[in-house]
Amino acid sequence: MSELAPEDELRLNVMMAGEIQAVRIDEAAMVVHGLSARGEAAIKLHPSGRPEQYLRRVREMLAGKATGSPGGYPVYLHGWTRMGQARDKGLDCLLLLGEVEAVVSVAYSNGLTDELARRAWWAMPVADNARRMLERECVVQGKMGKVLAAYLVEYLPFENTPHTIIDTVRLVLPLIDDEVRRKLWNRGAVDNAYHVGFLERMPDDLPVEVEPREDWSALIPKLAKLTDHPYAAQLERVLSSRGQAFLQTAEAMLRYPADRDVVYTLLNALAAYFSSLSYPCAGNTVEEIVANVDASCADQTSVAGRFLESMPEYAAEVRAMLVLSCMNSSVAAPILSHSTASGTLMRQKLEPVTTPILQRIATLRGQEYSASVTRRRQRT
């Protein structure tokens, strides 16, 4: 293996002897960049042999200086990197190795701090690292939160995987202003994967105006005597303007889901919206779930049964809420896991799941269910 040129070895030693914070290597230009509190330094390399062998020698030297291990970034750690299993101690040293996987390891680590995020971002500013770092509350609350969110928003038009779009929107929503939030929402008109992130992150604050259900105002006094009851709170929530906005968005997406990632995440968001009911879901199929809900509501000793004694006129709505609280991704998994269908064919295969859900959403919106359109149903 080629030895380092004397001038390269000297300059690298000088750089590593200082208060260096991170190192990155531009392999194409054969330049080593170093970050310190005073700014950035760049060392142009002068390979005497094959570039890849020379860079390996450079990394071995960096590892020896940073960790005392001249072997470079340990191969066995590569498999842990993207699982967030890198040790929390010594993360700062990993940023001095000039190794891509070492930087990723820091970005994915549970021990990440806002300062380490700043250094890791300088070393490797890529969208995947930004998303993983924004999963840490210390980064969201720190100086790097808005920096990473701004990058992801700017880069988002170049993402074409629904799962990635959903993940990105979910992560950036708390860190962007209303104008940017509105722009992201508007993109959902052509790609409903954008809207799933909103349903997950801010179900009660969607940037869309929807009228409350017609009987919402009249319902408030009736619920006054049941202030602390979770069923009362959820019923008031779902019939309000914010609840109707959530249901309207969920219905539109459920009728035309983009792909299976959208379906899974949408169903989980829908079930999470009604999770405050704390209903003990039972049954492996939609039919079993519906039957169990009906039995629970008919049982006067159950929570649902006792609540309906006070609010019998809302029996259909309570049943609908309980059913929807159980409609997470597991109800669609048996269909989607055995099919590679997408688009129209996928939607047809999912009808045994989506139709009962759409029927319950129609009930909560005060509408008569239709496979194509819904008609407003007047409450008597």
Protein backbone atom coordinates (compact mmCIF):
# COMPACT_ATOMS: atom_id res chain seq x y z
CA MET A 1 0.00 0.00 0.00
CA SER A 2 1.28 3.48 -0.85
CA GLU A 3 2.76 5.46 1.99
CA LEU A 4 1.55 8.99 2.54
CA ALA A 5 3.47 11.75 0.85
CA PRO A 6 5.56 13.56 3.50
CA GLU A 7 3.76 16.87 2.93
CA ASP A 8 0.34 15.17 3.25
CA GLU A 9 1.36 13.36 6.41
CA LEU A 10 2.67 16.56 7.95
CA ARG A 11 -0.41 18.62 7.13
CA LEU A 12 -2.79 15.89 8.32
CA ASN A 13 -0.87 15.58 11.59
CA VAL A 14 -1.07 19.33 12.12
CA MET A 15 -4.80 19.33 11.41
CA MET A 16 -5.51 16.43 13.75
CA ALA A 17 -3.38 17.98 16.50
CA GLY A 18 -5.75 20.95 16.62
CA GLU A 19 -9.26 21.11 18.04
CA ILE A 20 -10.77 19.37 15.04
CA GLN A 21 -14.53 18.69 15.15
CA ALA A 22 -15.20 16.70 11.98
CA VAL A 23 -13.49 15.46 8.84
CA ARG A 24 -14.83 14.74 5.39
CA ILE A 25 -13.02 13.50 2.32
CA ASP A 26 -13.79 14.57 -1.23
CA GLU A 27 -12.63 11.46 -3.03
CA ALA A 28 -13.14 12.90 -6.51
CA ALA A 29 -11.00 15.96 -5.82
CA MET A 30 -8.66 14.11 -3.41
CA VAL A 31 -9.12 16.75 -0.73
CA VAL A 32 -9.45 16.28 3.05
CA HIS A 33 -11.64 18.91 4.73
CA GLY A 34 -11.51 19.60 8.44
CA LEU A 35 -13.94 21.54 10.61
CA SER A 36 -12.83 23.39 13.73
CA ALA A 37 -14.13 26.22 15.88
CA ARG A 38 -12.02 28.59 13.75
CA GLY A 39 -13.53 27.47 10.46
CA GLU A 40 -12.64 24.96 7.75
CA ALA A 41 -9.32 23.69 6.49
CA ALA A 42 -8.65 21.85 3.22
CA ILE A 43 -5.69 19.61 2.47
CA LYS A 44 -5.03 18.66 -1.14
CA LEU A 45 -3.65 15.14 -1.29
CA HIS A 46 -0.78 14.03 -3.50
CA PRO A 47 -1.24 10.29 -4.09
CA SER A 48 1.79 8.39 -5.29
CA GLY A 49 -0.18 5.29 -6.26
CA ARG A 50 -3.75 4.20 -6.81
CA PRO A 51 -6.15 6.78 -5.34
CA GLU A 52 -8.32 4.22 -3.48
CA GLN A 53 -5.26 2.73 -1.77
CA TYR A 54 -3.96 6.15 -0.86
CA LEU A 55 -7.32 7.15 0.64
CA ARG A 56 -7.34 3.97 2.68
CA ARG A 57 -3.97 4.93 4.08
CA VAL A 58 -5.30 8.41 4.89
CA ARG A 59 -8.27 6.94 6.75
CA GLU A 60 -6.02 4.60 8.69
CA MET A 61 -3.96 7.57 9.81
CA LEU A 62 -7.08 9.52 10.78
CA ALA A 63 -8.38 6.53 12.76
CA GLY A 64 -5.07 6.17 14.54
CA LYS A 65 -5.12 9.80 15.60
CA ALA A 66 -8.82 9.91 16.53
CA THR A 67 -9.38 6.57 18.22
CA GLY A 68 -5.98 4.96 18.61
CA SER A 69 -7.08 2.21 16.21
CA PRO A 70 -5.17 2.35 12.91
CA GLY A 71 -7.53 -0.06 11.20
CA GLY A 72 -10.05 2.57 10.20
CA TYR A 73 -13.80 2.34 10.87
CA PRO A 74 -14.40 -1.25 12.14
CA VAL A 75 -16.15 -3.33 9.52
CA TYR A 76 -18.39 -5.03 12.08
CA LEU A 77 -19.90 -1.68 13.02
CA HIS A 78 -21.24 -1.11 9.51
CA GLY A 79 -24.16 -3.43 10.18
CA TRP A 80 -25.11 -1.54 13.34
CA THR A 81 -24.88 1.92 11.84
CA ARG A 82 -28.37 2.26 10.42
CA MET A 83 -29.98 0.52 13.39
CA GLY A 84 -28.95 3.29 15.78
CA GLN A 85 -26.84 0.87 17.81
CA ALA A 86 -23.57 2.76 17.73
CA ARG A 87 -22.25 3.40 21.21
CA ASP A 88 -23.27 6.74 22.64
CA LYS A 89 -19.80 7.49 23.99
CA GLY A 90 -17.09 8.51 21.56
CA LEU A 91 -19.46 9.65 18.85
CA ASP A 92 -17.37 12.77 18.36
CA CYS A 93 -14.40 10.58 17.46
CA LEU A 94 -16.38 8.83 14.74
CA LEU A 95 -16.75 12.17 12.96
CA LEU A 96 -12.97 12.42 12.64
CA LEU A 97 -12.52 9.25 10.58
CA GLY A 98 -13.56 10.56 7.16
CA GLU A 99 -15.82 7.51 6.81
CA VAL A 100 -19.34 7.80 5.40
CA GLU A 101 -20.67 4.98 7.55
CA ALA A 102 -19.17 6.52 10.67
CA VAL A 103 -21.06 9.77 10.01
CA VAL A 104 -24.28 7.83 9.40
CA SER A 105 -23.67 6.00 12.66
CA VAL A 106 -23.60 9.30 14.54
CA ALA A 107 -26.73 10.57 12.75
CA TYR A 108 -28.64 7.42 13.71
CA SER A 109 -27.32 7.18 17.27
CA ASN A 110 -29.49 7.54 20.37
CA GLY A 111 -26.69 9.62 21.88
CA LEU A 112 -26.92 12.34 19.26
CA THR A 113 -26.85 15.94 20.50
CA ASP A 114 -27.58 19.20 18.72
CA GLU A 115 -23.86 19.97 18.53
CA LEU A 116 -23.03 16.54 17.13
CA ALA A 117 -25.84 16.99 14.63
CA ARG A 118 -24.20 20.23 13.46
CA ARG A 119 -20.89 18.46 12.93
CA ALA A 120 -22.45 15.41 11.27
CA TRP A 121 -24.46 17.63 8.94
CA TRP A 122 -21.30 19.45 7.89
CA ALA A 123 -19.58 16.12 7.28
CA MET A 124 -22.42 14.57 5.26
CA PRO A 125 -25.40 16.78 4.34
CA VAL A 126 -27.80 14.22 2.87
CA ALA A 127 -31.56 13.91 3.30
CA ASP A 128 -31.53 10.50 5.02
CA ASN A 129 -29.24 11.78 7.75
CA ALA A 130 -31.39 14.89 8.20
CA ARG A 131 -34.52 12.78 8.68
CA ARG A 132 -32.91 10.51 11.24
CA MET A 133 -31.47 13.43 13.20
CA LEU A 134 -34.86 15.14 13.30
CA GLU A 135 -36.21 12.12 15.15
CA ARG A 136 -34.25 13.32 18.20
CA GLU A 137 -36.05 15.90 20.32
CA CYS A 138 -32.77 17.59 21.26
CA VAL A 139 -32.19 18.35 17.59
CA VAL A 140 -35.75 19.51 16.98
CA GLN A 141 -35.47 21.90 19.92
CA GLY A 142 -31.90 22.92 19.11
CA LYS A 143 -30.32 25.17 16.52
CA MET A 144 -30.11 22.43 13.89
CA GLY A 145 -33.83 21.62 13.81
CA LYS A 146 -34.89 24.40 11.46
CA VAL A 147 -31.70 24.07 9.40
CA LEU A 148 -32.41 20.42 8.66
CA ALA A 149 -36.13 21.04 8.10
CA ALA A 150 -35.42 23.81 5.58
CA TYR A 151 -33.13 21.50 3.64
CA LEU A 152 -35.67 18.68 3.59
CA VAL A 153 -38.46 20.99 2.40
CA GLU A 154 -36.28 22.27 -0.41
CA TYR A 155 -35.26 18.75 -1.38
CA LEU A 156 -38.74 17.25 -1.05
CA PRO A 157 -39.82 17.84 -4.71
CA PHE A 158 -37.04 15.46 -5.75
CA GLU A 159 -38.32 12.64 -3.55
CA ASN A 160 -40.54 10.14 -5.35
CA THR A 161 -41.05 7.40 -2.77
CA PRO A 162 -44.32 7.76 -0.83
CA HIS A 163 -42.78 6.38 2.36
CA THR A 164 -40.01 8.99 2.21
CA ILE A 165 -42.44 11.82 1.49
CA ILE A 166 -44.67 10.81 4.41
CA ASP A 167 -41.69 10.55 6.76
CA THR A 168 -40.29 13.92 5.67
CA VAL A 169 -43.57 15.83 5.98
CA ARG A 170 -44.21 14.32 9.41
CA LEU A 171 -40.78 15.42 10.64
CA VAL A 172 -40.69 18.98 9.26
CA LEU A 173 -44.22 20.13 10.15
CA PRO A 174 -43.38 21.39 13.67
CA LEU A 175 -40.41 23.35 12.32
CA ILE A 176 -41.85 25.29 9.38
CA ASP A 177 -44.03 28.39 9.20
CA ASP A 178 -47.64 28.57 8.04
CA GLU A 179 -46.76 29.62 4.50
CA VAL A 180 -44.46 26.66 3.91
CA ARG A 181 -46.96 24.37 5.61
CA ARG A 182 -49.67 25.55 3.23
CA LYS A 183 -47.44 24.87 0.21
CA LEU A 184 -46.80 21.33 1.39
CA TRP A 185 -50.51 20.81 1.92
CA ASN A 186 -51.29 22.04 -1.58
CA ARG A 187 -48.89 19.48 -3.05
CA GLY A 188 -51.22 16.85 -1.67
CA ALA A 189 -53.66 17.73 -4.46
CA VAL A 190 -51.43 15.81 -6.88
CA ASP A 191 -49.71 13.43 -4.45
CA ASN A 192 -51.76 12.45 -1.41
CA ALA A 193 -48.69 11.02 0.33
CA TYR A 194 -48.15 14.62 1.50
CA HIS A 195 -51.48 14.63 3.33
CA VAL A 196 -50.68 11.47 5.29
CA GLY A 197 -47.88 13.25 7.09
CA PHE A 198 -50.33 15.96 8.13
CA LEU A 199 -52.84 13.40 9.45
CA GLU A 200 -50.09 11.79 11.51
CA ARG A 201 -48.50 14.91 12.93
CA MET A 202 -51.25 17.53 13.23
CA PRO A 203 -54.67 15.84 12.93
CA ASP A 204 -56.44 18.66 14.77
CA ASP A 205 -54.78 21.52 12.91
CA LEU A 206 -55.03 20.75 9.21
CA PRO A 207 -54.64 23.78 6.92
CA VAL A 208 -58.11 23.43 5.42
CA GLU A 209 -61.43 25.05 6.32
CA VAL A 210 -64.34 22.64 6.90
CA GLU A 211 -67.63 23.41 8.61
CA PRO A 212 -68.49 21.47 11.79
CA ARG A 213 -71.28 18.94 11.51
CA GLU A 214 -74.71 20.59 11.65
CA ASP A 215 -75.56 19.17 15.06
CA TRP A 216 -72.23 19.97 16.68
CA SER A 217 -73.38 23.15 18.44
CA ALA A 218 -76.44 21.41 19.84
CA LEU A 219 -74.28 18.53 21.05
CA ILE A 220 -72.06 20.66 23.30
CA PRO A 221 -74.67 21.26 26.07
CA LYS A 222 -75.56 17.56 26.07
CA LEU A 223 -71.94 16.63 26.70
CA ALA A 224 -71.53 19.13 29.54
CA LYS A 225 -72.48 16.53 32.14
CA LEU A 226 -69.96 14.09 30.65
CA THR A 227 -67.00 16.45 30.56
CA ASP A 228 -64.33 13.94 31.58
CA HIS A 229 -65.65 10.97 29.62
CA PRO A 230 -63.30 9.98 26.75
CA TYR A 231 -66.25 9.07 24.51
CA ALA A 232 -67.79 12.51 25.02
CA ALA A 233 -64.51 14.28 24.30
CA GLN A 234 -63.91 12.23 21.15
CA LEU A 235 -67.46 12.74 19.92
CA GLU A 236 -67.17 16.50 20.36
CA ARG A 237 -63.78 16.43 18.65
CA VAL A 238 -64.85 14.44 15.61
CA LEU A 239 -68.02 16.45 14.96
CA SER A 240 -66.18 19.79 15.25
CA SER A 241 -64.70 21.59 12.26
CA ARG A 242 -61.24 20.16 12.97
CA GLY A 243 -62.64 16.63 13.19
CA GLN A 244 -64.65 16.99 10.00
CA ALA A 245 -61.50 18.26 8.24
CA PHE A 246 -59.63 15.17 9.39
CA LEU A 247 -62.40 12.85 8.19
CA GLN A 248 -62.79 14.64 4.86
CA THR A 249 -59.06 14.32 4.18
CA ALA A 250 -58.92 10.69 5.28
CA GLU A 251 -61.92 9.82 3.12
CA ALA A 252 -60.45 11.42 0.00
CA MET A 253 -57.18 9.57 0.50
CA LEU A 254 -58.83 6.25 1.27
CA ARG A 255 -60.76 6.40 -1.98
CA TYR A 256 -57.60 6.93 -4.06
CA PRO A 257 -54.51 5.82 -2.11
CA ALA A 258 -51.25 6.19 -4.01
CA ASP A 259 -49.65 2.93 -2.90
CA ARG A 260 -49.45 0.46 -0.03
CA ASP A 261 -47.23 2.72 2.09
CA VAL A 262 -49.94 5.37 1.98
CA VAL A 263 -52.57 2.77 2.90
CA TYR A 264 -50.64 1.44 5.89
CA THR A 265 -49.75 4.86 7.27
CA LEU A 266 -53.22 6.27 6.64
CA LEU A 267 -54.92 3.42 8.51
CA ASN A 268 -52.53 3.79 11.43
CA ALA A 269 -53.21 7.54 11.55
CA LEU A 270 -56.94 6.87 11.46
CA ALA A 271 -56.78 4.37 14.32
CA ALA A 272 -54.51 6.69 16.32
CA TYR A 273 -57.05 9.51 15.95
CA PHE A 274 -59.59 7.44 17.89
CA SER A 275 -57.11 5.84 20.29
CA SER A 276 -58.28 8.06 23.18
CA LEU A 277 -61.33 5.78 23.43
CA SER A 278 -59.01 3.05 24.78
CA TYR A 279 -61.28 0.43 23.28
CA PRO A 280 -59.88 -3.12 23.62
CA CYS A 281 -59.99 -4.14 19.97
CA ALA A 282 -60.72 -7.81 19.33
CA GLY A 283 -60.99 -9.73 16.09
CA ASN A 284 -58.67 -10.44 13.18
CA THR A 285 -61.00 -9.36 10.37
CA VAL A 286 -63.20 -6.34 9.71
CA GLU A 287 -66.31 -8.47 10.21
CA GLU A 288 -65.12 -9.75 13.58
CA ILE A 289 -64.20 -6.24 14.73
CA VAL A 290 -67.62 -4.88 13.74
CA ALA A 291 -69.40 -7.77 15.49
CA ASN A 292 -67.42 -7.23 18.67
CA VAL A 293 -68.14 -3.50 18.66
CA ASP A 294 -71.85 -4.14 18.20
CA ALA A 295 -71.83 -6.60 21.10
CA SER A 296 -69.96 -4.15 23.31
CA CYS A 297 -72.39 -1.33 22.57
CA ALA A 298 -75.34 -3.62 23.31
CA ASP A 299 -73.83 -4.63 26.65
CA GLN A 300 -75.16 -2.17 29.24
CA THR A 301 -72.31 -3.01 31.61
CA SER A 302 -69.59 -2.00 29.11
CA VAL A 303 -68.13 1.50 28.83
CA ALA A 304 -69.82 1.98 25.48
CA GLY A 305 -73.13 0.61 26.73
CA ARG A 306 -73.18 2.90 29.76
CA PHE A 307 -72.28 5.93 27.65
CA LEU A 308 -75.07 5.21 25.18
CA GLU A 309 -77.60 5.17 28.00
CA SER A 310 -76.97 8.93 28.23
CA MET A 311 -76.56 9.50 24.48
CA PRO A 312 -78.73 6.89 22.70
CA GLU A 313 -79.25 9.14 19.66
CA TYR A 314 -75.52 8.88 18.89
CA ALA A 315 -75.32 5.10 18.90
CA ALA A 316 -74.32 4.95 15.21
CA GLU A 317 -71.55 7.50 15.76
CA VAL A 318 -70.17 5.70 18.82
CA ARG A 319 -70.11 2.41 16.95
CA ALA A 320 -68.37 4.11 14.03
CA MET A 321 -65.69 5.61 16.30
CA LEU A 322 -65.00 2.28 18.01
CA VAL A 323 -64.72 0.44 14.71
CA LEU A 324 -62.36 3.05 13.29
CA SER A 325 -60.17 2.87 16.41
CA CYS A 326 -59.44 -0.75 15.44
CA MET A 327 -58.82 -0.18 11.73
CA ASN A 328 -55.04 0.06 11.73
CA SER A 329 -52.67 -1.34 9.13
CA SER A 330 -53.15 -4.92 10.38
CA VAL A 331 -56.58 -5.15 8.73
CA ALA A 332 -55.07 -4.43 5.30
CA ALA A 333 -51.90 -6.48 5.75
CA PRO A 334 -53.46 -9.87 4.81
CA ILE A 335 -54.49 -8.41 1.45
CA LEU A 336 -51.44 -6.30 0.62
CA SER A 337 -48.87 -8.82 1.83
CA HIS A 338 -50.09 -11.33 -0.75
CA SER A 339 -50.34 -8.95 -3.67
CA THR A 340 -48.04 -6.70 -5.66
CA ALA A 341 -50.96 -4.80 -7.16
CA SER A 342 -50.95 -1.01 -7.27
CA GLY A 343 -53.24 1.73 -8.50
CA THR A 344 -56.77 0.79 -9.47
CA LEU A 345 -56.22 -2.95 -9.00
CA MET A 346 -54.88 -2.42 -5.48
CA ARG A 347 -57.90 -0.27 -4.61
CA GLN A 348 -60.24 -2.98 -5.88
CA LYS A 349 -58.54 -5.63 -3.76
CA LEU A 350 -58.78 -3.37 -0.71
CA GLU A 351 -62.53 -2.73 -1.02
CA PRO A 352 -63.45 -5.31 1.68
CA VAL A 353 -61.42 -3.12 4.09
CA THR A 354 -61.93 0.38 2.71
CA THR A 355 -65.70 0.14 2.16
CA PRO A 356 -66.58 -0.51 5.84
CA ILE A 357 -64.21 2.28 6.85
CA LEU A 358 -65.72 4.73 4.37
CA GLN A 359 -69.18 3.78 5.63
CA ARG A 360 -68.19 4.70 9.21
CA ILE A 361 -66.59 7.94 8.06
CA ALA A 362 -69.80 8.83 6.23
CA THR A 363 -71.74 8.19 9.43
CA LEU A 364 -69.50 10.55 11.38
CA ARG A 365 -69.78 13.19 8.67
CA GLY A 366 -73.58 12.98 8.70
CA GLN A 367 -73.72 11.59 5.18
CA GLU A 368 -75.19 8.63 3.36
CA TYR A 369 -72.43 6.38 2.07
CA SER A 370 -71.97 6.02 -1.67
CA ALA A 371 -69.25 4.16 -3.53
CA SER A 372 -68.63 7.29 -5.60
CA VAL A 373 -70.10 10.29 -3.81
CA THR A 374 -71.72 11.00 -0.47
CA ARG A 375 -74.92 12.88 0.25
CA ARG A 376 -75.55 14.96 3.32
CA ARG A 377 -77.84 13.22 5.80
CA GLN A 378 -80.04 15.42 7.94
CA ARG A 379 -80.32 14.42 11.62
CA THR A 380 -83.87 14.42 12.94
